[in-house]
Amino acid sequence: MIRLIDIQKSYDNGTKALKGVNLRIDDGEFVFLVGPSGSGKSTILKLITAEIAPTGGRLMVNGYNLNNIRPRQVPYMRRTLGVIFQDFRLIEKKTVRENLTFAMRAVGATPRDIRTRIPYVLELVGLKGMEDRYPDELSGGEQQRVAIARALVNNPSTIVADEPTGNLDPERSLEIMMLLERINQLGTTILVVTHERQLVNQFNKRVIYLEEGKINGDGVGTYEV
């Protein structure tokens, strides 16, 4: 579960990015976070991943209180999260398998875990048989599927996707969102930040609309603002 209680965030330059945000995302939900540029979407993601700390309010992520979390606990909290970026962030000189192996070794997975988990995740994201390809041998949509596999490979309870379809054409974007929907149906919480109104409107999911650091809409349905 993710919970923001009266969260405020001000930056050193005086910008008030969040002005008392209250938000609860329960385990197993699929949520779109939308809003114009500068509305505070990226700030919320950075707070959830403990990249930055709130100026005020209370913040809890998957059982961790981020207001008083100890530095040594942060890596354990982050293991409950899988993060997907717009620009994929794959290691170009490593194969698909090596990219996923690197992510698993980083959290101390055993060789046996790696051997069994990677084929399962690659089949789940539709990349079976592509284990030995390098990122530059894949299309943009395939690279994003590798990025999703990497986010999934350590079995997080929550996937946080920051503009995951921003570099893809509409057809590939729809495929990626349908894949995230399928992953959600398997029990993983999904939080997607996006500005793509038409894409959001193809899914009957919870939509949270952020504007000028405040939530101005929260409900199931279409992105109409």
C-alpha atoms as a PDB file:
ATOM      1  CA  MET A   1       0.000   0.000   0.000  1.00  0.00           C
ATOM      2  CA  ILE A   2       1.108   3.546  -0.770  1.00  0.00           C
ATOM      3  CA  ARG A   3      -0.198   6.348   1.418  1.00  0.00           C
ATOM      4  CA  LEU A   4       0.445  10.077   1.257  1.00  0.00           C
ATOM      5  CA  ILE A   5      -1.075  12.102   4.091  1.00  0.00           C
ATOM      6  CA  ASP A   6      -1.026  15.905   3.684  1.00  0.00           C
ATOM      7  CA  ILE A   7       2.230  15.620   1.726  1.00  0.00           C
ATOM      8  CA  GLN A   8       3.998  18.857   0.956  1.00  0.00           C
ATOM      9  CA  LYS A   9       7.193  19.334  -0.982  1.00  0.00           C
ATOM     10  CA  SER A  10       9.122  22.540  -1.511  1.00  0.00           C
ATOM     11  CA  TYR A  11      12.414  22.714  -3.363  1.00  0.00           C
ATOM     12  CA  ASP A  12      15.412  24.864  -2.469  1.00  0.00           C
ATOM     13  CA  ASN A  13      14.592  27.282  -5.301  1.00  0.00           C
ATOM     14  CA  GLY A  14      11.279  28.076  -3.609  1.00  0.00           C
ATOM     15  CA  THR A  15       9.067  25.964  -5.860  1.00  0.00           C
ATOM     16  CA  LYS A  16       6.130  24.416  -3.991  1.00  0.00           C
ATOM     17  CA  ALA A  17       5.691  21.201  -5.958  1.00  0.00           C
ATOM     18  CA  LEU A  18       3.088  19.565  -3.704  1.00  0.00           C
ATOM     19  CA  LYS A  19       0.581  21.408  -1.531  1.00  0.00           C
ATOM     20  CA  GLY A  20      -1.068  18.975   0.835  1.00  0.00           C
ATOM     21  CA  VAL A  21      -1.597  15.811  -1.227  1.00  0.00           C
ATOM     22  CA  ASN A  22      -3.685  13.005   0.270  1.00  0.00           C
ATOM     23  CA  LEU A  23      -3.548   9.760  -1.654  1.00  0.00           C
ATOM     24  CA  ARG A  24      -4.023   6.076  -0.912  1.00  0.00           C
ATOM     25  CA  ILE A  25      -3.240   3.277  -3.359  1.00  0.00           C
ATOM     26  CA  ASP A  26      -4.220  -0.149  -2.086  1.00  0.00           C
ATOM     27  CA  ASP A  27      -2.475  -3.415  -2.897  1.00  0.00           C
ATOM     28  CA  GLY A  28      -3.569  -4.762  -6.283  1.00  0.00           C
ATOM     29  CA  GLU A  29      -4.836  -1.463  -7.712  1.00  0.00           C
ATOM     30  CA  PHE A  30      -4.093  -0.118 -11.201  1.00  0.00           C
ATOM     31  CA  VAL A  31      -3.832   3.674 -11.097  1.00  0.00           C
ATOM     32  CA  PHE A  32      -3.068   6.340 -13.685  1.00  0.00           C
ATOM     33  CA  LEU A  33      -1.502   9.566 -12.380  1.00  0.00           C
ATOM     34  CA  VAL A  34      -2.097  12.338 -14.903  1.00  0.00           C
ATOM     35  CA  GLY A  35      -1.829  16.086 -15.167  1.00  0.00           C
ATOM     36  CA  PRO A  36      -0.027  18.875 -17.015  1.00  0.00           C
ATOM     37  CA  SER A  37       3.730  19.425 -16.961  1.00  0.00           C
ATOM     38  CA  GLY A  38       4.844  20.833 -13.621  1.00  0.00           C
ATOM     39  CA  SER A  39       1.782  19.551 -11.761  1.00  0.00           C
ATOM     40  CA  GLY A  40       3.854  17.447  -9.348  1.00  0.00           C
ATOM     41  CA  LYS A  41       3.669  13.967 -10.912  1.00  0.00           C
ATOM     42  CA  SER A  42       7.438  13.435 -11.007  1.00  0.00           C
ATOM     43  CA  THR A  43       7.766  14.727  -7.457  1.00  0.00           C
ATOM     44  CA  ILE A  44       5.316  12.079  -6.228  1.00  0.00           C
ATOM     45  CA  LEU A  45       7.320   9.342  -7.962  1.00  0.00           C
ATOM     46  CA  LYS A  46      10.578  10.597  -6.472  1.00  0.00           C
ATOM     47  CA  LEU A  47       8.987  10.619  -3.021  1.00  0.00           C
ATOM     48  CA  ILE A  48       7.666   7.067  -3.415  1.00  0.00           C
ATOM     49  CA  THR A  49      11.094   5.773  -4.460  1.00  0.00           C
ATOM     50  CA  ALA A  50      12.800   7.713  -1.627  1.00  0.00           C
ATOM     51  CA  GLU A  51      14.870   9.740  -4.076  1.00  0.00           C
ATOM     52  CA  ILE A  52      13.714  12.844  -2.214  1.00  0.00           C
ATOM     53  CA  ALA A  53      12.009  13.430   1.142  1.00  0.00           C
ATOM     54  CA  PRO A  54       8.776  15.332   1.812  1.00  0.00           C
ATOM     55  CA  THR A  55       8.842  18.781   3.377  1.00  0.00           C
ATOM     56  CA  GLY A  56       5.743  17.990   5.400  1.00  0.00           C
ATOM     57  CA  GLY A  57       3.133  15.271   5.910  1.00  0.00           C
ATOM     58  CA  ARG A  58       3.401  11.486   6.280  1.00  0.00           C
ATOM     59  CA  LEU A  59       4.488   9.016   3.602  1.00  0.00           C
ATOM     60  CA  MET A  60       4.224   5.215   3.744  1.00  0.00           C
ATOM     61  CA  VAL A  61       5.239   2.766   1.012  1.00  0.00           C
ATOM     62  CA  ASN A  62       4.646  -0.993   1.291  1.00  0.00           C
ATOM     63  CA  GLY A  63       4.990  -1.114   5.057  1.00  0.00           C
ATOM     64  CA  TYR A  64       7.846   1.401   5.330  1.00  0.00           C
ATOM     65  CA  ASN A  65       7.418   4.808   6.962  1.00  0.00           C
ATOM     66  CA  LEU A  66       9.545   7.039   4.757  1.00  0.00           C
ATOM     67  CA  ASN A  67       9.470   9.916   7.223  1.00  0.00           C
ATOM     68  CA  ASN A  68      11.899   8.140   9.548  1.00  0.00           C
ATOM     69  CA  ILE A  69      13.314   5.340   7.414  1.00  0.00           C
ATOM     70  CA  ARG A  70      16.955   4.559   8.138  1.00  0.00           C
ATOM     71  CA  PRO A  71      19.382   4.779   5.212  1.00  0.00           C
ATOM     72  CA  ARG A  72      20.183   1.067   5.455  1.00  0.00           C
ATOM     73  CA  GLN A  73      16.472   0.244   5.091  1.00  0.00           C
ATOM     74  CA  VAL A  74      16.016   2.183   1.845  1.00  0.00           C
ATOM     75  CA  PRO A  75      17.390  -0.601  -0.424  1.00  0.00           C
ATOM     76  CA  TYR A  76      14.974  -3.078   1.174  1.00  0.00           C
ATOM     77  CA  MET A  77      12.056  -0.702   0.609  1.00  0.00           C
ATOM     78  CA  ARG A  78      13.105  -0.232  -3.011  1.00  0.00           C
ATOM     79  CA  ARG A  79      13.065  -4.001  -3.542  1.00  0.00           C
ATOM     80  CA  THR A  80       9.285  -3.841  -3.100  1.00  0.00           C
ATOM     81  CA  LEU A  81       9.181  -1.523  -6.134  1.00  0.00           C
ATOM     82  CA  GLY A  82       9.868  -2.147  -9.799  1.00  0.00           C
ATOM     83  CA  VAL A  83      10.501   1.078 -11.724  1.00  0.00           C
ATOM     84  CA  ILE A  84      10.006   1.544 -15.471  1.00  0.00           C
ATOM     85  CA  PHE A  85      11.371   4.607 -17.271  1.00  0.00           C
ATOM     86  CA  GLN A  86      10.464   6.325 -20.531  1.00  0.00           C
ATOM     87  CA  ASP A  87      13.983   5.910 -21.925  1.00  0.00           C
ATOM     88  CA  PHE A  88      14.302   2.184 -21.040  1.00  0.00           C
ATOM     89  CA  ARG A  89      17.750   2.588 -19.351  1.00  0.00           C
ATOM     90  CA  LEU A  90      19.050  -0.792 -20.490  1.00  0.00           C
ATOM     91  CA  ILE A  91      22.755  -1.603 -20.407  1.00  0.00           C
ATOM     92  CA  GLU A  92      23.628  -1.503 -24.105  1.00  0.00           C
ATOM     93  CA  LYS A  93      26.609  -3.866 -23.932  1.00  0.00           C
ATOM     94  CA  LYS A  94      24.667  -6.575 -22.118  1.00  0.00           C
ATOM     95  CA  THR A  95      22.200  -9.039 -23.623  1.00  0.00           C
ATOM     96  CA  VAL A  96      18.600  -9.237 -22.488  1.00  0.00           C
ATOM     97  CA  ARG A  97      19.492 -12.100 -20.150  1.00  0.00           C
ATOM     98  CA  GLU A  98      22.525 -10.230 -18.812  1.00  0.00           C
ATOM     99  CA  ASN A  99      20.450  -7.097 -18.131  1.00  0.00           C
ATOM    100  CA  LEU A 100      18.024  -9.140 -16.036  1.00  0.00           C
ATOM    101  CA  THR A 101      20.794 -11.148 -14.359  1.00  0.00           C
ATOM    102  CA  PHE A 102      22.485  -7.889 -13.332  1.00  0.00           C
ATOM    103  CA  ALA A 103      19.263  -6.686 -11.668  1.00  0.00           C
ATOM    104  CA  MET A 104      18.850  -9.969  -9.787  1.00  0.00           C
ATOM    105  CA  ARG A 105      22.453 -10.172  -8.627  1.00  0.00           C
ATOM    106  CA  ALA A 106      22.164  -6.631  -7.274  1.00  0.00           C
ATOM    107  CA  VAL A 107      19.713  -7.910  -4.649  1.00  0.00           C
ATOM    108  CA  GLY A 108      21.588 -11.109  -3.885  1.00  0.00           C
ATOM    109  CA  ALA A 109      19.563 -13.626  -5.906  1.00  0.00           C
ATOM    110  CA  THR A 110      21.029 -17.131  -6.115  1.00  0.00           C
ATOM    111  CA  PRO A 111      22.136 -18.647  -9.454  1.00  0.00           C
ATOM    112  CA  ARG A 112      19.220 -21.065  -9.169  1.00  0.00           C
ATOM    113  CA  ASP A 113      16.739 -18.211  -8.708  1.00  0.00           C
ATOM    114  CA  ILE A 114      18.208 -16.465 -11.751  1.00  0.00           C
ATOM    115  CA  ARG A 115      17.969 -19.588 -13.917  1.00  0.00           C
ATOM    116  CA  THR A 116      14.317 -20.150 -13.086  1.00  0.00           C
ATOM    117  CA  ARG A 117      12.998 -16.578 -12.809  1.00  0.00           C
ATOM    118  CA  ILE A 118      14.378 -15.042 -16.015  1.00  0.00           C
ATOM    119  CA  PRO A 119      12.733 -17.471 -18.496  1.00  0.00           C
ATOM    120  CA  TYR A 120       9.402 -17.090 -16.673  1.00  0.00           C
ATOM    121  CA  VAL A 121       9.488 -13.280 -16.773  1.00  0.00           C
ATOM    122  CA  LEU A 122      10.606 -13.125 -20.411  1.00  0.00           C
ATOM    123  CA  GLU A 123       7.755 -15.395 -21.426  1.00  0.00           C
ATOM    124  CA  LEU A 124       5.341 -13.241 -19.431  1.00  0.00           C
ATOM    125  CA  VAL A 125       6.366 -10.086 -21.318  1.00  0.00           C
ATOM    126  CA  GLY A 126       6.394 -11.802 -24.711  1.00  0.00           C
ATOM    127  CA  LEU A 127      10.154 -12.020 -25.249  1.00  0.00           C
ATOM    128  CA  LYS A 128      10.703 -15.764 -25.118  1.00  0.00           C
ATOM    129  CA  GLY A 129      13.648 -16.686 -27.345  1.00  0.00           C
ATOM    130  CA  MET A 130      15.220 -13.197 -27.235  1.00  0.00           C
ATOM    131  CA  GLU A 131      17.499 -13.841 -24.259  1.00  0.00           C
ATOM    132  CA  ASP A 132      20.738 -13.415 -26.213  1.00  0.00           C
ATOM    133  CA  ARG A 133      19.841 -10.273 -28.138  1.00  0.00           C
ATOM    134  CA  TYR A 134      21.345  -6.883 -27.362  1.00  0.00           C
ATOM    135  CA  PRO A 135      19.180  -3.774 -26.882  1.00  0.00           C
ATOM    136  CA  ASP A 136      20.203  -2.297 -30.254  1.00  0.00           C
ATOM    137  CA  GLU A 137      18.855  -5.447 -31.924  1.00  0.00           C
ATOM    138  CA  LEU A 138      15.382  -4.800 -30.505  1.00  0.00           C
ATOM    139  CA  SER A 139      12.591  -2.405 -31.449  1.00  0.00           C
ATOM    140  CA  GLY A 140      11.528   0.342 -29.040  1.00  0.00           C
ATOM    141  CA  GLY A 141       8.543  -1.695 -27.927  1.00  0.00           C
ATOM    142  CA  GLU A 142      10.729  -4.743 -27.325  1.00  0.00           C
ATOM    143  CA  GLN A 143      13.229  -2.677 -25.345  1.00  0.00           C
ATOM    144  CA  GLN A 144      10.427  -1.417 -23.130  1.00  0.00           C
ATOM    145  CA  ARG A 145       9.310  -5.025 -22.606  1.00  0.00           C
ATOM    146  CA  VAL A 146      12.839  -5.825 -21.422  1.00  0.00           C
ATOM    147  CA  ALA A 147      12.591  -2.848 -19.058  1.00  0.00           C
ATOM    148  CA  ILE A 148       9.286  -4.225 -17.735  1.00  0.00           C
ATOM    149  CA  ALA A 149      10.880  -7.662 -17.316  1.00  0.00           C
ATOM    150  CA  ARG A 150      13.724  -6.063 -15.370  1.00  0.00           C
ATOM    151  CA  ALA A 151      11.197  -4.298 -13.115  1.00  0.00           C
ATOM    152  CA  LEU A 152       9.425  -7.618 -12.524  1.00  0.00           C
ATOM    153  CA  VAL A 153      12.381  -9.919 -12.154  1.00  0.00           C
ATOM    154  CA  ASN A 154      12.793  -9.459  -8.400  1.00  0.00           C
ATOM    155  CA  ASN A 155       9.061 -10.004  -7.828  1.00  0.00           C
ATOM    156  CA  PRO A 156       8.128  -6.564  -6.447  1.00  0.00           C
ATOM    157  CA  SER A 157       4.676  -5.927  -5.021  1.00  0.00           C
ATOM    158  CA  THR A 158       4.403  -2.615  -6.891  1.00  0.00           C
ATOM    159  CA  ILE A 159       5.374  -1.395 -10.362  1.00  0.00           C
ATOM    160  CA  VAL A 160       5.900   2.352 -10.826  1.00  0.00           C
ATOM    161  CA  ALA A 161       6.008   3.405 -14.498  1.00  0.00           C
ATOM    162  CA  ASP A 162       7.134   6.912 -15.433  1.00  0.00           C
ATOM    163  CA  GLU A 163       5.801   7.765 -18.924  1.00  0.00           C
ATOM    164  CA  PRO A 164       6.444   4.155 -20.050  1.00  0.00           C
ATOM    165  CA  THR A 165       5.025   4.754 -23.543  1.00  0.00           C
ATOM    166  CA  GLY A 166       6.488   8.214 -24.131  1.00  0.00           C
ATOM    167  CA  ASN A 167       8.941   6.991 -26.798  1.00  0.00           C
ATOM    168  CA  LEU A 168       6.566   4.569 -28.545  1.00  0.00           C
ATOM    169  CA  ASP A 169       4.018   4.827 -31.342  1.00  0.00           C
ATOM    170  CA  PRO A 170       0.297   4.436 -30.477  1.00  0.00           C
ATOM    171  CA  GLU A 171       0.122   0.736 -31.386  1.00  0.00           C
ATOM    172  CA  ARG A 172       3.171  -0.196 -29.288  1.00  0.00           C
ATOM    173  CA  SER A 173       1.908   2.065 -26.488  1.00  0.00           C
ATOM    174  CA  LEU A 174      -1.350   0.151 -26.339  1.00  0.00           C
ATOM    175  CA  GLU A 175       0.531  -3.166 -26.274  1.00  0.00           C
ATOM    176  CA  ILE A 176       2.686  -2.020 -23.354  1.00  0.00           C
ATOM    177  CA  MET A 177      -0.326  -0.784 -21.380  1.00  0.00           C
ATOM    178  CA  MET A 178      -2.171  -4.060 -21.998  1.00  0.00           C
ATOM    179  CA  LEU A 179       0.893  -5.912 -20.721  1.00  0.00           C
ATOM    180  CA  LEU A 180       0.878  -3.800 -17.548  1.00  0.00           C
ATOM    181  CA  GLU A 181      -2.828  -4.552 -17.168  1.00  0.00           C
ATOM    182  CA  ARG A 182      -2.085  -8.279 -17.399  1.00  0.00           C
ATOM    183  CA  ILE A 183       0.668  -7.977 -14.785  1.00  0.00           C
ATOM    184  CA  ASN A 184      -1.813  -6.168 -12.542  1.00  0.00           C
ATOM    185  CA  GLN A 185      -4.291  -9.032 -12.968  1.00  0.00           C
ATOM    186  CA  LEU A 186      -1.601 -11.354 -11.584  1.00  0.00           C
ATOM    187  CA  GLY A 187      -1.637  -9.321  -8.355  1.00  0.00           C
ATOM    188  CA  THR A 188       0.976  -6.577  -8.797  1.00  0.00           C
ATOM    189  CA  THR A 189       0.024  -2.998  -7.918  1.00  0.00           C
ATOM    190  CA  ILE A 190       0.535  -0.683 -10.911  1.00  0.00           C
ATOM    191  CA  LEU A 191       1.042   3.102 -10.834  1.00  0.00           C
ATOM    192  CA  VAL A 192       1.461   4.699 -14.262  1.00  0.00           C
ATOM    193  CA  VAL A 193       2.385   8.354 -14.778  1.00  0.00           C
ATOM    194  CA  THR A 194       1.377   9.506 -18.243  1.00  0.00           C
ATOM    195  CA  HIS A 195       0.136  12.495 -20.216  1.00  0.00           C
ATOM    196  CA  GLU A 196      -1.421  10.355 -22.975  1.00  0.00           C
ATOM    197  CA  ARG A 197      -5.114  11.056 -22.608  1.00  0.00           C
ATOM    198  CA  GLN A 198      -6.291   8.817 -25.446  1.00  0.00           C
ATOM    199  CA  LEU A 199      -4.366   5.866 -24.048  1.00  0.00           C
ATOM    200  CA  VAL A 200      -5.759   6.325 -20.540  1.00  0.00           C
ATOM    201  CA  ASN A 201      -9.289   6.513 -21.918  1.00  0.00           C
ATOM    202  CA  GLN A 202      -8.987   3.036 -23.443  1.00  0.00           C
ATOM    203  CA  PHE A 203      -8.801   1.526 -19.958  1.00  0.00           C
ATOM    204  CA  ASN A 204     -11.470   1.714 -17.290  1.00  0.00           C
ATOM    205  CA  LYS A 205      -9.044   2.345 -14.439  1.00  0.00           C
ATOM    206  CA  ARG A 206      -8.690   4.731 -11.539  1.00  0.00           C
ATOM    207  CA  VAL A 207      -7.415   8.102 -12.749  1.00  0.00           C
ATOM    208  CA  ILE A 208      -5.869  10.651 -10.376  1.00  0.00           C
ATOM    209  CA  TYR A 209      -5.603  14.157 -11.845  1.00  0.00           C
ATOM    210  CA  LEU A 210      -2.901  16.390 -10.414  1.00  0.00           C
ATOM    211  CA  GLU A 211      -2.784  20.122 -11.023  1.00  0.00           C
ATOM    212  CA  GLU A 212      -0.546  22.772  -9.454  1.00  0.00           C
ATOM    213  CA  GLY A 213       0.552  20.421  -6.695  1.00  0.00           C
ATOM    214  CA  LYS A 214      -2.942  19.335  -5.666  1.00  0.00           C
ATOM    215  CA  ILE A 215      -5.275  16.466  -6.560  1.00  0.00           C
ATOM    216  CA  ASN A 216      -8.154  17.883  -8.576  1.00  0.00           C
ATOM    217  CA  GLY A 217      -9.783  14.622  -9.554  1.00  0.00           C
ATOM    218  CA  ASP A 218      -9.781  10.985  -8.432  1.00  0.00           C
ATOM    219  CA  GLY A 219     -12.078   8.317  -9.811  1.00  0.00           C
ATOM    220  CA  VAL A 220     -12.601   5.417 -12.162  1.00  0.00           C
ATOM    221  CA  GLY A 221     -13.249   6.404 -15.753  1.00  0.00           C
ATOM    222  CA  THR A 222     -11.841   8.656 -18.407  1.00  0.00           C
ATOM    223  CA  TYR A 223      -9.249  11.411 -18.372  1.00  0.00           C
ATOM    224  CA  GLU A 224     -11.428  14.357 -19.414  1.00  0.00           C
ATOM    225  CA  VAL A 225      -9.782  17.387 -17.784  1.00  0.00           C
END
